[in-house]
Amino acid sequence: MITAKMMQQLWAVIESTQVNLLLQFDDSDLVKLLLNQFANQQVLDAQTANSLNTYIESRLPLIRDIAEERRSLSQGTH
């Protein structure tokens, strides 16, 4: 089960991940990267890891949009 705190932690991981990593990896590798970074902070059981995997996959367009926005803001071209 994914808790609200876990959601906050996951989005903190996403926000702390370098923009170029969020944009350069294909979907499968990006999901693995984010899940591994999250798992480095907290022990996950198989069911929770699977739920997080599914959640991340469903949010990839949003994650990439946020990364594009961060990149444009850092380049001053927004």
Protein backbone atom coordinates (compact mmCIF):
# COMPACT_ATOMS: atom_id res chain seq x y z
CA MET A 1 0.00 0.00 0.00
CA ILE A 2 1.22 3.46 -0.89
CA THR A 3 0.79 5.98 1.90
CA ALA A 4 0.54 9.76 1.60
CA LYS A 5 4.00 10.05 3.14
CA MET A 6 5.39 7.69 0.51
CA MET A 7 3.84 9.84 -2.22
CA GLN A 8 5.52 12.90 -0.77
CA GLN A 9 8.83 11.06 -0.62
CA LEU A 10 8.48 9.84 -4.20
CA TRP A 11 7.79 13.34 -5.51
CA ALA A 12 10.75 14.63 -3.48
CA VAL A 13 12.89 12.02 -5.24
CA ILE A 14 11.55 13.15 -8.61
CA GLU A 15 12.21 16.80 -7.78
CA SER A 16 15.76 16.03 -6.63
CA THR A 17 16.61 13.97 -9.71
CA GLN A 18 18.61 15.81 -12.33
CA VAL A 19 16.52 17.08 -15.21
CA ASN A 20 18.73 15.47 -17.84
CA LEU A 21 18.19 12.06 -16.25
CA LEU A 22 14.42 12.51 -16.22
CA LEU A 23 14.47 13.40 -19.90
CA GLN A 24 17.14 11.12 -21.35
CA PHE A 25 16.02 7.70 -20.09
CA ASP A 26 13.37 5.68 -21.85
CA ASP A 27 10.23 4.91 -19.87
CA SER A 28 11.35 1.56 -18.49
CA ASP A 29 14.75 2.83 -17.34
CA LEU A 30 13.26 5.97 -15.82
CA VAL A 31 10.79 3.93 -13.77
CA LYS A 32 13.65 1.71 -12.55
CA LEU A 33 15.81 4.72 -11.69
CA LEU A 34 13.09 6.44 -9.66
CA LEU A 35 12.05 3.24 -7.92
CA ASN A 36 15.66 2.45 -7.01
CA GLN A 37 16.25 5.97 -5.70
CA PHE A 38 13.12 5.69 -3.59
CA ALA A 39 14.10 2.23 -2.35
CA ASN A 40 17.48 3.61 -1.24
CA GLN A 41 15.59 5.75 1.28
CA GLN A 42 13.14 3.17 2.53
CA VAL A 43 12.72 -0.60 2.52
CA LEU A 44 9.92 -1.69 0.20
CA ASP A 45 8.00 -4.93 0.20
CA ALA A 46 7.19 -6.48 -3.18
CA GLN A 47 3.56 -5.32 -3.19
CA THR A 48 4.45 -1.70 -2.43
CA ALA A 49 7.26 -1.73 -5.00
CA ASN A 50 4.83 -3.04 -7.59
CA SER A 51 2.26 -0.37 -6.68
CA LEU A 52 4.89 2.36 -6.90
CA ASN A 53 6.09 0.99 -10.23
CA THR A 54 2.55 1.20 -11.62
CA TYR A 55 2.07 4.68 -10.17
CA ILE A 56 5.32 5.98 -11.67
CA GLU A 57 4.47 4.48 -15.06
CA SER A 58 1.10 6.23 -15.01
CA ARG A 59 2.73 9.57 -14.16
CA LEU A 60 5.60 9.54 -16.69
CA PRO A 61 4.04 12.22 -18.95
CA LEU A 62 3.62 14.49 -15.91
CA ILE A 63 7.15 13.74 -14.69
CA ARG A 64 8.60 14.60 -18.09
CA ASP A 65 6.49 17.78 -18.35
CA ILE A 66 7.78 18.90 -14.96
CA ALA A 67 11.35 18.13 -16.04
CA GLU A 68 10.89 20.15 -19.25
CA GLU A 69 9.55 23.05 -17.21
CA ARG A 70 12.48 22.85 -14.79
CA ARG A 71 14.91 22.81 -17.71
CA SER A 72 13.32 25.82 -19.38
CA LEU A 73 13.31 27.74 -16.08
CA SER A 74 16.98 26.95 -15.47
CA GLN A 75 17.82 28.13 -18.98
CA GLY A 76 15.79 31.29 -18.55
CA THR A 77 13.71 30.60 -21.64
CA HIS A 78 10.32 30.13 -20.02
